[in-house]
Amino acid sequence: MERLFTIKEAMVILQLSYTTVYAMCNNGTLPSCKVGGSIRISQESLRNFISNNTSGGQQ
């Protein structure tokens, strides 16, 4: 079973504010679901977001 993260956990991983992660979930930028009234973000969604929104470092 895949791990689901809270917004607070995702904000630490992504190094973004709570408001930013919440907005990204609401507008579909970061796919999420509601579980018992709380927003949860799958590990796969976080991986895909990071992969698609990260560029290579400078050499």
N, C-alpha and C. Protein backbone atom coordinates (compact mmCIF):
# COMPACT_ATOMS: atom_id res chain seq x y z
N MET A 1 0.84 -1.19 0.00
CA MET A 1 0.00 0.00 0.00
C MET A 1 0.89 1.24 0.00
N GLU A 2 0.51 2.19 -0.82
CA GLU A 2 1.31 3.42 -0.98
C GLU A 2 1.06 4.38 0.18
N ARG A 3 2.10 5.06 0.58
CA ARG A 3 2.01 6.02 1.67
C ARG A 3 1.28 7.28 1.22
N LEU A 4 0.45 7.83 2.09
CA LEU A 4 -0.23 9.10 1.86
C LEU A 4 0.30 10.13 2.84
N PHE A 5 0.62 11.31 2.34
CA PHE A 5 1.19 12.37 3.16
C PHE A 5 0.15 13.45 3.43
N THR A 6 0.24 14.08 4.59
CA THR A 6 -0.59 15.24 4.89
C THR A 6 0.02 16.46 4.20
N ILE A 7 -0.71 17.54 4.19
CA ILE A 7 -0.18 18.78 3.62
C ILE A 7 1.07 19.21 4.40
N LYS A 8 1.04 19.09 5.71
CA LYS A 8 2.20 19.48 6.52
C LYS A 8 3.43 18.65 6.18
N GLU A 9 3.25 17.35 5.96
CA GLU A 9 4.38 16.50 5.59
C GLU A 9 4.88 16.86 4.20
N ALA A 10 3.96 17.11 3.28
CA ALA A 10 4.34 17.48 1.91
C ALA A 10 5.06 18.82 1.88
N MET A 11 4.65 19.76 2.72
CA MET A 11 5.30 21.08 2.72
C MET A 11 6.76 20.97 3.18
N VAL A 12 7.04 20.05 4.08
CA VAL A 12 8.42 19.84 4.53
C VAL A 12 9.23 19.22 3.39
N ILE A 13 8.66 18.23 2.72
CA ILE A 13 9.35 17.56 1.62
C ILE A 13 9.63 18.53 0.48
N LEU A 14 8.62 19.33 0.13
CA LEU A 14 8.74 20.25 -1.00
C LEU A 14 9.39 21.59 -0.62
N GLN A 15 9.54 21.83 0.66
CA GLN A 15 10.09 23.09 1.18
C GLN A 15 9.28 24.29 0.69
N LEU A 16 7.96 24.15 0.81
CA LEU A 16 7.02 25.20 0.45
C LEU A 16 6.13 25.48 1.65
N SER A 17 5.40 26.58 1.60
CA SER A 17 4.51 26.91 2.71
C SER A 17 3.25 26.05 2.66
N TYR A 18 2.58 25.99 3.80
CA TYR A 18 1.32 25.26 3.90
C TYR A 18 0.32 25.80 2.89
N THR A 19 0.22 27.12 2.81
CA THR A 19 -0.73 27.76 1.90
C THR A 19 -0.45 27.39 0.45
N THR A 20 0.81 27.36 0.06
CA THR A 20 1.18 27.02 -1.30
C THR A 20 0.81 25.58 -1.63
N VAL A 21 1.13 24.64 -0.75
CA VAL A 21 0.82 23.23 -0.99
C VAL A 21 -0.70 23.03 -1.03
N TYR A 22 -1.42 23.69 -0.13
CA TYR A 22 -2.87 23.60 -0.10
C TYR A 22 -3.46 24.11 -1.42
N ALA A 23 -2.97 25.24 -1.89
CA ALA A 23 -3.45 25.81 -3.15
C ALA A 23 -3.14 24.88 -4.33
N MET A 24 -1.95 24.28 -4.33
CA MET A 24 -1.57 23.36 -5.40
C MET A 24 -2.49 22.14 -5.42
N CYS A 25 -2.91 21.68 -4.25
CA CYS A 25 -3.84 20.55 -4.18
C CYS A 25 -5.22 20.97 -4.70
N ASN A 26 -5.65 22.16 -4.34
CA ASN A 26 -6.97 22.63 -4.77
C ASN A 26 -7.05 22.92 -6.25
N ASN A 27 -5.97 23.40 -6.86
CA ASN A 27 -6.03 23.73 -8.29
C ASN A 27 -5.57 22.59 -9.19
N GLY A 28 -5.18 21.45 -8.60
CA GLY A 28 -4.82 20.28 -9.39
C GLY A 28 -3.37 20.20 -9.80
N THR A 29 -2.56 21.19 -9.41
CA THR A 29 -1.13 21.14 -9.72
C THR A 29 -0.47 19.95 -9.05
N LEU A 30 -0.93 19.65 -7.84
CA LEU A 30 -0.43 18.51 -7.08
C LEU A 30 -1.63 17.59 -6.80
N PRO A 31 -1.73 16.48 -7.53
CA PRO A 31 -2.88 15.59 -7.34
C PRO A 31 -3.00 15.12 -5.90
N SER A 32 -4.23 15.14 -5.39
CA SER A 32 -4.48 14.75 -4.01
C SER A 32 -5.88 14.17 -3.90
N CYS A 33 -6.20 13.67 -2.72
CA CYS A 33 -7.54 13.14 -2.45
C CYS A 33 -7.91 13.49 -1.02
N LYS A 34 -9.19 13.39 -0.72
CA LYS A 34 -9.65 13.63 0.64
C LYS A 34 -9.90 12.29 1.32
N VAL A 35 -9.37 12.17 2.52
CA VAL A 35 -9.58 10.97 3.32
C VAL A 35 -10.12 11.45 4.66
N GLY A 36 -11.36 11.13 4.94
CA GLY A 36 -11.96 11.56 6.20
C GLY A 36 -11.98 13.07 6.36
N GLY A 37 -12.12 13.79 5.26
CA GLY A 37 -12.18 15.24 5.32
C GLY A 37 -10.82 15.93 5.28
N SER A 38 -9.75 15.15 5.32
CA SER A 38 -8.40 15.72 5.27
C SER A 38 -7.77 15.44 3.91
N ILE A 39 -7.02 16.41 3.42
CA ILE A 39 -6.33 16.24 2.14
C ILE A 39 -5.11 15.36 2.33
N ARG A 40 -4.94 14.40 1.43
CA ARG A 40 -3.77 13.52 1.45
C ARG A 40 -3.15 13.50 0.06
N ILE A 41 -1.81 13.42 0.03
CA ILE A 41 -1.06 13.42 -1.22
C ILE A 41 -0.28 12.12 -1.27
N SER A 42 -0.42 11.40 -2.38
CA SER A 42 0.26 10.11 -2.49
C SER A 42 1.76 10.32 -2.73
N GLN A 43 2.51 9.32 -2.36
CA GLN A 43 3.96 9.35 -2.57
C GLN A 43 4.27 9.48 -4.06
N GLU A 44 3.49 8.79 -4.89
CA GLU A 44 3.69 8.86 -6.34
C GLU A 44 3.43 10.28 -6.86
N SER A 45 2.40 10.95 -6.35
CA SER A 45 2.12 12.32 -6.77
C SER A 45 3.28 13.25 -6.42
N LEU A 46 3.85 13.07 -5.23
CA LEU A 46 5.00 13.89 -4.83
C LEU A 46 6.20 13.61 -5.72
N ARG A 47 6.47 12.33 -5.99
CA ARG A 47 7.60 11.98 -6.86
C ARG A 47 7.43 12.58 -8.25
N ASN A 48 6.23 12.44 -8.81
CA ASN A 48 5.97 12.98 -10.15
C ASN A 48 6.10 14.50 -10.17
N PHE A 49 5.58 15.16 -9.15
CA PHE A 49 5.66 16.62 -9.09
C PHE A 49 7.12 17.06 -9.04
N ILE A 50 7.90 16.42 -8.18
CA ILE A 50 9.31 16.78 -8.04
C ILE A 50 10.05 16.51 -9.36
N SER A 51 9.81 15.36 -9.94
CA SER A 51 10.46 14.98 -11.19
C SER A 51 10.13 15.95 -12.33
N ASN A 52 8.87 16.35 -12.42
CA ASN A 52 8.42 17.21 -13.52
C ASN A 52 8.71 18.68 -13.31
N ASN A 53 9.07 19.07 -12.10
CA ASN A 53 9.26 20.48 -11.80
C ASN A 53 10.66 20.79 -11.28
N THR A 54 11.59 19.91 -11.60
CA THR A 54 12.97 20.10 -11.17
C THR A 54 13.87 20.06 -12.40
N SER A 55 14.78 21.00 -12.46
CA SER A 55 15.76 20.98 -13.54
C SER A 55 17.10 20.55 -12.97
N GLY A 56 17.98 20.14 -13.85
CA GLY A 56 19.31 19.71 -13.43
C GLY A 56 20.10 20.84 -12.79
N GLY A 57 21.02 20.50 -11.92
CA GLY A 57 21.86 21.49 -11.27
C GLY A 57 22.87 22.09 -12.23
N GLN A 58 23.46 23.17 -11.80
CA GLN A 58 24.48 23.84 -12.63
C GLN A 58 25.80 23.11 -12.49
N GLN A 59 26.54 23.07 -13.57
CA GLN A 59 27.86 22.43 -13.57
C GLN A 59 28.94 23.47 -13.49
